[in-house]
């Protein structure tokens, strides 16, 4: 842990295992209620001076962080792969994303403009100024253990806030490595603090604290709802990036090969363990056979194995619990009439026996009674669903409590415009399976969350507005 500019040693340790081998790769300090309170106190004290630094001073630190991360890019990528299992190429992409967020907000922090408002009274002048909201409690997930931190910490610090971060216990080493970078470039003490402790203890103390004025969370919808309820007790500001149930839609006028390639990227990257990963594949009935054949052919060519192997395209799931959930979803679908076109179960070969491997799977004949149709799937499963026309499709894709990412493949511009406006999702990728970028807002609607990360919108989540009315003396 890293509190008030110092690395903390404790009597209790937390072991981090590599999902490929289920062997220990890291051992980190595990804290208690005492450490969480110390971190909140340190962040509160540091806020007084950090928030008073001018924007250029704060942003210069962010720029230095980005440079230091760039110099350690390969090492940071290996840390990510070892602690959560994704392929080394995916990890490199994640590190670059984290670098981009620090670099972006090192510039965007200089542009938190206020407003002047025309007054209806000749003797008054009205202004709106923006100020940092205060101490931020940040809770991040294991599936993107570095970039999710960057998406929260970079804009918070640029805005003038200080942070107490609780990284995921399954993958905390990336956060520790980031703290080493903060320490090496001498970011002022208490600006970023990291606590690794029992999740319920941390969240309870975050919510009870009157010093923490903002909560930013990425994780499951169920936990997000609990945090939202608890935040009401002290009326904290909140940003929530929660679960997803992304539809991937292919119309008969689409480029089929391009759509298959896009689905491979958004379904099997990170072994499907992304909130933006495709969960339901809607294919127009006239092309469903052709699409299915091409998809199966591509899926069966994917190389499965150790994420540190440069050739690997699909790594293990994060733990046995994740493996069991995927198994249950597939079993339920098959029991209710789904057909397995490829994959369908755990990999039992000797080379996979120690890891949490599930075969990349394609299912067809999916219906609405199946769990996989309703539940978010954090695994390499592509369930194909047939549809006839646009009207039917829109009703089905919107019939979910989630609304994060969605993907649409068509070459009909009018259809694109109708659907991008009609789909209840915070993000739509049109013939684009990787639409997410640092300069654009990331976030969902409905039970997929509230607030945005990235773009100029991302820093506004850490600012509050103060209206100032000045009455002038009349000569």
Protein backbone atom coordinates (compact mmCIF):
# COMPACT_ATOMS: atom_id res chain seq x y z
CA UNK A 1 0.00 0.00 0.00
CA UNK A 2 1.01 3.60 -0.53
CA UNK A 3 -0.18 6.18 2.01
CA UNK A 4 0.97 9.78 2.35
CA UNK A 5 4.00 9.20 0.14
CA UNK A 6 5.23 6.05 1.90
CA UNK A 7 4.97 2.34 1.13
CA UNK A 8 3.33 0.56 4.06
CA UNK A 9 4.29 -2.82 5.50
CA UNK A 10 1.71 -4.94 7.33
CA UNK A 11 1.60 -8.31 9.06
CA UNK A 12 -1.03 -9.67 6.68
CA UNK A 13 -0.24 -10.48 3.05
CA UNK A 14 -2.36 -11.07 -0.03
CA UNK A 15 -1.23 -13.60 -2.64
CA UNK A 16 -1.87 -12.85 -6.30
CA UNK A 17 -1.97 -15.85 -8.66
CA UNK A 18 -1.38 -16.09 -12.39
CA UNK A 19 -4.59 -17.44 -14.02
CA UNK A 20 -2.50 -19.41 -16.52
CA UNK A 21 -0.85 -21.58 -13.87
CA UNK A 22 -2.75 -20.71 -10.67
CA UNK A 23 0.66 -20.20 -9.07
CA UNK A 24 1.57 -17.21 -6.90
CA UNK A 25 3.28 -14.40 -8.81
CA UNK A 26 2.99 -11.51 -6.35
CA UNK A 27 2.51 -11.01 -2.62
CA UNK A 28 1.23 -7.62 -1.50
CA UNK A 29 0.53 -5.94 1.81
CA UNK A 30 -3.06 -6.32 3.04
CA UNK A 31 -4.36 -3.56 5.26
CA UNK A 32 -7.11 -2.86 7.76
CA UNK A 33 -9.59 -0.19 8.75
CA UNK A 34 -6.70 1.76 10.30
CA UNK A 35 -4.90 2.07 6.96
CA UNK A 36 -8.02 3.21 5.12
CA UNK A 37 -8.59 5.96 7.68
CA UNK A 38 -4.95 7.03 7.43
CA UNK A 39 -5.24 7.23 3.64
CA UNK A 40 -8.40 9.36 3.83
CA UNK A 41 -6.71 11.67 6.34
CA UNK A 42 -3.63 11.99 4.12
CA UNK A 43 -5.69 12.78 1.02
CA UNK A 44 -7.75 15.33 2.96
CA UNK A 45 -4.63 17.11 4.21
CA UNK A 46 -2.99 17.05 0.77
CA UNK A 47 -6.09 18.50 -0.90
CA UNK A 48 -5.49 21.85 0.78
CA UNK A 49 -2.23 22.42 -1.09
CA UNK A 50 -2.78 20.34 -4.25
CA UNK A 51 -6.04 22.13 -5.12
CA UNK A 52 -4.28 25.48 -4.80
CA UNK A 53 -1.55 24.64 -7.29
CA UNK A 54 -2.20 26.19 -10.66
CA UNK A 55 -3.38 23.96 -13.48
CA UNK A 56 -0.03 24.01 -15.26
CA UNK A 57 1.79 22.77 -12.16
CA UNK A 58 -0.60 19.89 -11.65
CA UNK A 59 -0.64 18.97 -15.32
CA UNK A 60 3.15 18.95 -15.52
CA UNK A 61 3.13 16.12 -12.98
CA UNK A 62 0.67 14.18 -15.17
CA UNK A 63 2.88 14.65 -18.19
CA UNK A 64 5.88 13.34 -16.25
CA UNK A 65 3.84 10.31 -15.13
CA UNK A 66 2.98 9.56 -18.77
CA UNK A 67 6.65 9.77 -19.75
CA UNK A 68 7.71 7.47 -16.93
CA UNK A 69 5.02 4.93 -17.84
CA UNK A 70 6.16 4.99 -21.45
CA UNK A 71 9.70 4.12 -20.39
CA UNK A 72 8.35 1.08 -18.47
CA UNK A 73 5.69 0.05 -20.98
CA UNK A 74 6.87 -3.51 -21.56
CA UNK A 75 7.41 -4.19 -17.86
CA UNK A 76 3.94 -2.85 -16.97
CA UNK A 77 2.39 -5.00 -19.70
CA UNK A 78 4.03 -8.11 -18.26
CA UNK A 79 2.68 -7.24 -14.79
CA UNK A 80 -0.87 -7.02 -16.17
CA UNK A 81 -0.60 -10.35 -17.98
CA UNK A 82 0.86 -12.13 -14.95
CA UNK A 83 -1.80 -10.93 -12.53
CA UNK A 84 -4.98 -11.22 -14.62
CA UNK A 85 -4.11 -13.39 -17.61
CA UNK A 86 -4.83 -11.33 -20.73
CA UNK A 87 -2.49 -11.65 -23.70
CA UNK A 88 0.68 -9.60 -23.75
CA UNK A 89 -0.47 -7.72 -26.84
CA UNK A 90 -3.72 -6.76 -25.10
CA UNK A 91 -1.71 -5.69 -22.06
CA UNK A 92 0.53 -3.48 -24.18
CA UNK A 93 -2.59 -1.85 -25.56
CA UNK A 94 -3.87 -1.29 -22.04
CA UNK A 95 -0.63 0.34 -20.91
CA UNK A 96 -0.73 2.64 -23.93
CA UNK A 97 -4.32 3.54 -23.06
CA UNK A 98 -3.26 4.42 -19.51
CA UNK A 99 -0.42 6.57 -20.85
CA UNK A 100 -2.87 8.30 -23.20
CA UNK A 101 -5.23 9.16 -20.33
CA UNK A 102 -2.47 10.79 -18.29
CA UNK A 103 -1.25 12.68 -21.36
CA UNK A 104 -4.75 13.75 -22.41
CA UNK A 105 -5.71 15.11 -19.00
CA UNK A 106 -2.32 16.78 -18.62
CA UNK A 107 -3.62 19.04 -21.38
CA UNK A 108 -7.34 19.02 -20.62
CA UNK A 109 -6.65 20.13 -17.04
CA UNK A 110 -5.57 23.51 -18.44
CA UNK A 111 -8.96 24.03 -20.09
CA UNK A 112 -11.47 23.90 -17.24
CA UNK A 113 -13.04 27.13 -18.40
CA UNK A 114 -15.72 29.01 -16.49
CA UNK A 115 -18.43 31.31 -17.86
CA UNK A 116 -19.59 34.89 -17.76
CA UNK A 117 -23.35 35.40 -17.86
CA UNK A 118 -25.07 38.57 -19.10
CA UNK A 119 -26.82 40.16 -16.14
CA UNK A 120 -30.33 41.59 -16.15
CA UNK A 121 -29.12 44.29 -13.75
CA UNK A 122 -26.73 47.03 -14.88
CA UNK A 123 -24.95 47.03 -11.53
CA UNK A 124 -24.17 43.29 -11.44
CA UNK A 125 -21.72 40.96 -13.15
CA UNK A 126 -22.27 37.21 -13.03
CA UNK A 127 -19.59 34.53 -13.37
CA UNK A 128 -19.41 30.76 -13.01
CA UNK A 129 -16.12 29.30 -11.78
CA UNK A 130 -15.12 25.65 -11.55
CA UNK A 131 -13.43 24.13 -8.51
CA UNK A 132 -12.25 20.60 -7.62
CA UNK A 133 -14.94 18.62 -5.87
CA UNK A 134 -12.59 17.39 -3.11
CA UNK A 135 -11.19 14.05 -2.00
CA UNK A 136 -12.10 11.18 -4.33
CA UNK A 137 -12.66 7.56 -3.34
CA UNK A 138 -11.89 5.39 -6.38
CA UNK A 139 -12.64 1.67 -6.73
CA UNK A 140 -11.29 -0.14 -9.80
CA UNK A 141 -11.73 -3.64 -11.32
CA UNK A 142 -9.32 -6.47 -12.13
CA UNK A 143 -9.96 -6.78 -15.88
CA UNK A 144 -8.19 -3.50 -16.78
CA UNK A 145 -6.07 -3.03 -13.66
CA UNK A 146 -4.00 -0.11 -14.99
CA UNK A 147 -6.10 1.77 -17.54
CA UNK A 148 -9.15 1.91 -15.26
CA UNK A 149 -6.96 3.59 -12.64
CA UNK A 150 -5.64 6.08 -15.19
CA UNK A 151 -9.16 6.94 -16.37
CA UNK A 152 -10.08 7.97 -12.83
CA UNK A 153 -6.86 9.24 -11.27
CA UNK A 154 -5.66 11.38 -14.20
CA UNK A 155 -8.75 13.62 -14.49
CA UNK A 156 -9.18 13.79 -10.71
CA UNK A 157 -5.62 15.02 -10.19
CA UNK A 158 -5.80 17.39 -13.15
CA UNK A 159 -8.94 18.94 -11.66
CA UNK A 160 -7.20 19.49 -8.32
CA UNK A 161 -8.68 16.58 -6.38
CA UNK A 162 -6.73 14.07 -4.30
CA UNK A 163 -7.45 10.33 -4.40
CA UNK A 164 -7.75 7.28 -2.19
CA UNK A 165 -7.72 4.28 -4.52
CA UNK A 166 -8.88 0.75 -3.76
CA UNK A 167 -7.66 -1.54 -6.58
CA UNK A 168 -9.10 -5.01 -7.15
CA UNK A 169 -7.67 -7.66 -4.82
CA UNK A 170 -7.38 -10.06 -7.76
CA UNK A 171 -4.99 -7.74 -9.62
CA UNK A 172 -3.43 -5.08 -7.35
CA UNK A 173 0.16 -5.14 -8.59
CA UNK A 174 -0.45 -2.72 -11.46
CA UNK A 175 -1.62 -0.12 -8.95
CA UNK A 176 1.50 -0.66 -6.87
CA UNK A 177 3.72 -0.20 -9.92
CA UNK A 178 1.94 3.06 -10.70
CA UNK A 179 2.61 4.25 -7.15
CA UNK A 180 6.29 3.54 -7.66
CA UNK A 181 6.18 5.89 -10.62
CA UNK A 182 4.40 8.56 -8.59
CA UNK A 183 7.04 8.16 -5.90
CA UNK A 184 9.94 8.35 -8.36
CA UNK A 185 8.84 11.69 -9.81
CA UNK A 186 8.02 13.03 -6.34
CA UNK A 187 4.32 13.72 -6.68
CA UNK A 188 3.41 15.52 -3.41
CA UNK A 189 2.58 13.29 -0.46
CA UNK A 190 -1.05 12.31 -0.03
CA UNK A 191 -2.14 13.23 -3.56
CA UNK A 192 -2.55 9.55 -4.48
CA UNK A 193 -3.00 6.91 -1.79
CA UNK A 194 -3.59 3.20 -2.38
CA UNK A 195 -5.23 0.86 0.11
CA UNK A 196 -5.55 -2.90 -0.35
CA UNK A 197 -8.02 -4.23 2.20
CA UNK A 198 -11.36 -5.99 2.57
CA UNK A 199 -13.76 -4.50 0.02
CA UNK A 200 -16.67 -4.10 2.42
CA UNK A 201 -14.43 -2.35 4.98
CA UNK A 202 -13.09 0.09 2.38
CA UNK A 203 -16.47 0.90 0.86
CA UNK A 204 -18.08 1.38 4.26
CA UNK A 205 -15.38 3.82 5.37
CA UNK A 206 -15.49 5.64 2.03
CA UNK A 207 -19.24 6.11 2.35
CA UNK A 208 -19.21 7.13 6.00
CA UNK A 209 -16.44 9.70 5.53
CA UNK A 210 -17.57 13.29 5.21
CA UNK A 211 -14.13 14.15 3.82
CA UNK A 212 -14.62 12.00 0.70
CA UNK A 213 -16.87 14.04 -1.56
CA UNK A 214 -16.80 11.93 -4.71
CA UNK A 215 -16.99 8.19 -5.44
CA UNK A 216 -15.91 6.77 -8.79
CA UNK A 217 -16.50 3.06 -9.32
CA UNK A 218 -16.10 0.54 -12.11
CA UNK A 219 -17.58 -2.89 -11.46
CA UNK A 220 -20.79 -4.89 -11.29
CA UNK A 221 -24.23 -3.33 -11.37
CA UNK A 222 -25.21 -5.00 -8.09
CA UNK A 223 -22.27 -3.48 -6.20
CA UNK A 224 -22.83 -0.13 -7.93
CA UNK A 225 -26.42 -0.03 -6.67
CA UNK A 226 -25.23 -0.70 -3.12
CA UNK A 227 -22.68 2.12 -3.36
CA UNK A 228 -25.28 4.50 -4.79
CA UNK A 229 -27.57 3.84 -1.84
CA UNK A 230 -24.76 4.34 0.66
CA UNK A 231 -23.56 7.53 -1.06
CA UNK A 232 -26.94 9.11 -0.37
CA UNK A 233 -26.17 9.21 3.35
CA UNK A 234 -23.64 12.01 2.87
CA UNK A 235 -24.88 13.13 -0.59
CA UNK A 236 -21.60 12.33 -2.34
CA UNK A 237 -21.16 12.86 -6.04
CA UNK A 238 -20.84 9.56 -7.91
CA UNK A 239 -19.63 8.21 -11.24
CA UNK A 240 -20.54 4.63 -12.05
CA UNK A 241 -19.35 2.44 -14.91
CA UNK A 242 -21.28 -0.77 -14.37
CA UNK A 243 -22.22 -3.95 -16.21
CA UNK A 244 -22.90 -4.29 -19.90
CA UNK A 245 -24.82 -6.62 -22.22
CA UNK A 246 -23.56 -5.43 -25.59
CA UNK A 247 -25.42 -6.42 -28.76
CA UNK A 248 -23.41 -7.03 -31.93
CA UNK A 249 -25.73 -6.51 -34.91
CA UNK A 250 -25.05 -7.69 -38.46
CA UNK A 251 -27.39 -6.77 -41.32
CA UNK A 252 -27.40 -8.54 -44.67
CA UNK A 253 -25.82 -5.53 -46.44
CA UNK A 254 -22.77 -5.57 -44.14
CA UNK A 255 -19.30 -6.69 -45.13
CA UNK A 256 -19.46 -10.19 -43.59
CA UNK A 257 -15.71 -10.71 -43.33
CA UNK A 258 -15.29 -7.33 -41.65
CA UNK A 259 -18.10 -8.14 -39.22
CA UNK A 260 -16.56 -11.50 -38.30
CA UNK A 261 -13.20 -9.86 -37.68
CA UNK A 262 -14.88 -7.21 -35.55
CA UNK A 263 -16.72 -9.80 -33.49
CA UNK A 264 -13.49 -11.69 -32.84
CA UNK A 265 -12.00 -8.48 -31.44
CA UNK A 266 -14.89 -7.50 -29.22
CA UNK A 267 -15.83 -11.00 -28.05
CA UNK A 268 -12.57 -12.90 -27.57
CA UNK A 269 -10.14 -10.13 -26.63
CA UNK A 270 -9.40 -10.37 -22.90
CA UNK A 271 -11.23 -13.74 -23.10
CA UNK A 272 -14.51 -11.84 -23.20
CA UNK A 273 -13.89 -10.36 -19.74
CA UNK A 274 -14.83 -6.79 -20.61
CA UNK A 275 -17.93 -4.78 -19.75
CA UNK A 276 -17.96 -3.69 -23.40
CA UNK A 277 -17.57 -7.23 -24.76
CA UNK A 278 -20.24 -8.57 -27.10
CA UNK A 279 -22.85 -10.60 -25.23
CA UNK A 280 -25.50 -11.20 -27.89
CA UNK A 281 -24.83 -11.56 -31.62
CA UNK A 282 -27.88 -10.56 -33.68
CA UNK A 283 -27.55 -11.67 -37.31
CA UNK A 284 -30.16 -11.12 -40.02
CA UNK A 285 -31.70 -14.48 -40.93
CA UNK A 286 -30.78 -14.29 -44.64
CA UNK A 287 -27.04 -14.40 -43.86
CA UNK A 288 -26.96 -16.29 -40.57
CA UNK A 289 -25.62 -19.55 -42.03
CA UNK A 290 -22.84 -17.86 -43.97
CA UNK A 291 -21.92 -15.68 -41.01
CA UNK A 292 -21.89 -18.62 -38.59
CA UNK A 293 -19.63 -20.70 -40.83
CA UNK A 294 -17.11 -17.88 -41.24
CA UNK A 295 -17.17 -17.11 -37.52
CA UNK A 296 -16.58 -20.72 -36.50
CA UNK A 297 -13.71 -20.97 -38.97
CA UNK A 298 -12.06 -17.87 -37.48
CA UNK A 299 -12.68 -18.91 -33.87
CA UNK A 300 -11.12 -22.33 -34.40
CA UNK A 301 -7.91 -20.65 -35.58
CA UNK A 302 -7.48 -18.68 -32.34
CA UNK A 303 -4.37 -19.71 -30.39
CA UNK A 304 -5.12 -20.36 -26.72
CA UNK A 305 -2.49 -20.36 -23.99
CA UNK A 306 -0.17 -18.38 -21.76
CA UNK A 307 -0.72 -14.67 -22.21
CA UNK A 308 3.03 -14.07 -22.17
CA UNK A 309 3.36 -16.04 -25.42
CA UNK A 310 3.41 -13.57 -28.31
CA UNK A 311 1.27 -15.91 -30.45
CA UNK A 312 -1.55 -16.30 -27.91
CA UNK A 313 -4.89 -14.73 -28.87
CA UNK A 314 -7.05 -16.04 -25.99
CA UNK A 315 -5.79 -16.38 -22.43
CA UNK A 316 -7.36 -17.91 -19.32
CA UNK A 317 -10.28 -16.60 -17.29
CA UNK A 318 -9.32 -14.80 -14.12
CA UNK A 319 -10.26 -17.55 -11.62
CA UNK A 320 -12.22 -20.75 -11.05
CA UNK A 321 -15.37 -18.86 -10.12
CA UNK A 322 -15.38 -17.13 -13.51
CA UNK A 323 -14.84 -20.48 -15.20
CA UNK A 324 -17.77 -22.06 -13.36
CA UNK A 325 -20.13 -19.20 -14.25
CA UNK A 326 -19.38 -19.55 -17.97
CA UNK A 327 -19.78 -23.32 -17.76
CA UNK A 328 -23.19 -22.94 -16.14
CA UNK A 329 -24.38 -20.46 -18.75
CA UNK A 330 -23.41 -22.74 -21.63
CA UNK A 331 -24.92 -25.79 -19.95
CA UNK A 332 -28.17 -23.91 -19.35
CA UNK A 333 -28.30 -22.79 -23.00
CA UNK A 334 -27.69 -26.31 -24.33
CA UNK A 335 -30.29 -27.76 -21.98
CA UNK A 336 -32.81 -25.29 -23.39
CA UNK A 337 -32.09 -26.05 -27.04
CA UNK A 338 -28.93 -24.20 -28.06
CA UNK A 339 -26.52 -25.92 -30.43
CA UNK A 340 -22.74 -25.76 -29.94
CA UNK A 341 -21.00 -24.93 -33.21
CA UNK A 342 -17.52 -25.00 -31.67
CA UNK A 343 -16.01 -25.12 -28.19
CA UNK A 344 -18.55 -25.51 -25.41
CA UNK A 345 -16.48 -26.52 -22.38
CA UNK A 346 -13.34 -26.28 -20.30
CA UNK A 347 -10.06 -27.19 -21.94
CA UNK A 348 -8.85 -30.41 -20.37
CA UNK A 349 -5.62 -31.00 -22.29
CA UNK A 350 -2.48 -31.30 -20.17
CA UNK A 351 -1.13 -27.92 -21.27
CA UNK A 352 -4.27 -26.22 -19.94
CA UNK A 353 -4.88 -28.38 -16.87
CA UNK A 354 -3.52 -25.90 -14.31
CA UNK A 355 -5.15 -22.79 -15.75
CA UNK A 356 -8.68 -21.40 -15.95
CA UNK A 357 -9.27 -22.13 -19.62
CA UNK A 358 -12.61 -22.25 -21.40
CA UNK A 359 -12.68 -23.02 -25.11
CA UNK A 360 -13.74 -20.13 -27.36
CA UNK A 361 -17.35 -21.04 -28.06
CA UNK A 362 -20.02 -20.25 -30.65
CA UNK A 363 -23.66 -21.11 -29.92
CA UNK A 364 -26.73 -20.85 -32.14
CA UNK A 365 -30.51 -21.27 -31.70
CA UNK A 366 -30.49 -18.93 -28.72
CA UNK A 367 -33.82 -17.95 -27.18
CA UNK A 368 -34.97 -15.52 -24.52
CA UNK A 369 -35.44 -18.21 -21.86
CA UNK A 370 -31.71 -18.86 -21.63
CA UNK A 371 -29.53 -17.28 -18.95
CA UNK A 372 -26.97 -16.23 -21.53
CA UNK A 373 -29.63 -14.10 -23.26
CA UNK A 374 -30.34 -12.14 -20.07
CA UNK A 375 -27.08 -12.22 -18.09
CA UNK A 376 -23.79 -10.48 -18.73
CA UNK A 377 -21.25 -13.07 -19.92
CA UNK A 378 -17.68 -12.57 -18.78
CA UNK A 379 -16.19 -15.23 -20.99
CA UNK A 380 -15.35 -16.27 -24.59
CA UNK A 381 -18.90 -17.24 -25.63
CA UNK A 382 -20.63 -15.90 -28.76
CA UNK A 383 -24.38 -16.70 -28.82
CA UNK A 384 -25.90 -16.12 -32.27
CA UNK A 385 -29.51 -14.89 -32.46
CA UNK A 386 -31.51 -14.62 -35.67
CA UNK A 387 -33.63 -11.57 -36.52
CA UNK A 388 -35.78 -10.64 -39.52
CA UNK A 389 -36.10 -6.86 -39.69
CA UNK A 390 -35.07 -3.57 -38.14
CA UNK A 391 -38.21 -3.02 -36.08
CA UNK A 392 -38.03 -6.44 -34.44
CA UNK A 393 -34.32 -5.99 -33.79
CA UNK A 394 -34.66 -2.63 -32.05
CA UNK A 395 -37.24 -3.98 -29.64
CA UNK A 396 -35.05 -6.94 -28.72
CA UNK A 397 -31.73 -5.15 -28.28
CA UNK A 398 -33.33 -2.50 -26.05
CA UNK A 399 -35.15 -5.06 -23.92
CA UNK A 400 -32.45 -5.17 -21.24
CA UNK A 401 -31.64 -3.20 -18.10
CA UNK A 402 -28.12 -2.58 -19.43
CA UNK A 403 -27.02 0.10 -21.87
CA UNK A 404 -23.26 0.42 -22.17
CA UNK A 405 -21.71 -0.48 -25.55
CA UNK A 406 -23.27 -1.71 -28.78
CA UNK A 407 -21.97 -2.60 -32.24
CA UNK A 408 -23.72 -2.23 -35.59
CA UNK A 409 -22.54 -3.57 -38.95
CA UNK A 410 -24.35 -2.19 -42.00
CA UNK A 411 -23.57 -0.13 -45.11
CA UNK A 412 -26.96 1.59 -45.14
CA UNK A 413 -26.48 5.18 -43.90
CA UNK A 414 -30.16 5.82 -43.24
CA UNK A 415 -30.40 2.64 -41.18
CA UNK A 416 -27.29 3.66 -39.27
CA UNK A 417 -28.83 7.03 -38.36
CA UNK A 418 -32.13 5.46 -37.30
CA UNK A 419 -30.50 2.83 -35.11
CA UNK A 420 -27.82 5.01 -33.51
CA UNK A 421 -30.64 7.27 -32.34
CA UNK A 422 -33.00 4.45 -31.42
CA UNK A 423 -30.70 2.16 -29.44
CA UNK A 424 -30.59 2.74 -25.67
CA UNK A 425 -26.82 2.54 -25.31
CA UNK A 426 -24.21 5.04 -24.23
CA UNK A 427 -21.84 4.05 -27.05
CA UNK A 428 -22.40 2.73 -30.58
CA UNK A 429 -19.63 1.40 -32.82
CA UNK A 430 -20.73 1.45 -36.47
CA UNK A 431 -18.59 -0.99 -38.46
CA UNK A 432 -16.14 -0.42 -35.61
CA UNK A 433 -15.45 -2.95 -32.85
CA UNK A 434 -13.00 -0.66 -31.02
CA UNK A 435 -14.74 2.72 -30.86
CA UNK A 436 -13.30 3.71 -27.48
CA UNK A 437 -10.72 6.48 -27.39
CA UNK A 438 -9.30 8.85 -24.81
CA UNK A 439 -10.66 11.99 -26.47
CA UNK A 440 -14.28 10.77 -26.45
CA UNK A 441 -16.63 10.17 -23.50
CA UNK A 442 -16.97 6.60 -22.22
CA UNK A 443 -20.08 5.63 -20.26
CA UNK A 444 -23.47 3.95 -20.29
CA UNK A 445 -27.16 4.54 -19.66
CA UNK A 446 -29.83 2.72 -17.66
CA UNK A 447 -28.27 0.25 -15.21
CA UNK A 448 -24.89 0.44 -16.93
CA UNK A 449 -24.05 3.54 -14.95
CA UNK A 450 -23.85 7.31 -14.87
CA UNK A 451 -21.18 9.85 -15.66
CA UNK A 452 -18.47 9.83 -18.31
CA UNK A 453 -14.77 9.03 -18.46
CA UNK A 454 -12.53 10.44 -21.18
CA UNK A 455 -12.98 13.48 -23.40
CA UNK A 456 -13.51 16.92 -21.91
CA UNK A 457 -16.50 15.39 -20.13
CA UNK A 458 -14.18 13.21 -18.04
CA UNK A 459 -12.66 16.08 -16.08
CA UNK A 460 -16.04 17.71 -15.47
CA UNK A 461 -16.92 14.71 -13.26
CA UNK A 462 -14.35 16.00 -10.74
CA UNK A 463 -15.36 19.67 -10.81
CA UNK A 464 -18.21 21.60 -9.29
CA UNK A 465 -19.53 24.99 -10.32
CA UNK A 466 -19.80 28.08 -8.17
CA UNK A 467 -21.92 31.00 -9.30
CA UNK A 468 -20.55 34.42 -8.35
CA UNK A 469 -22.65 37.57 -8.60
CA UNK A 470 -20.76 40.83 -8.09
CA UNK A 471 -22.65 44.04 -7.37
CA UNK A 472 -20.72 47.11 -8.46
CA UNK A 473 -20.81 50.55 -6.96
CA UNK A 474 -22.43 53.13 -9.17
CA UNK A 475 -20.34 56.26 -9.82
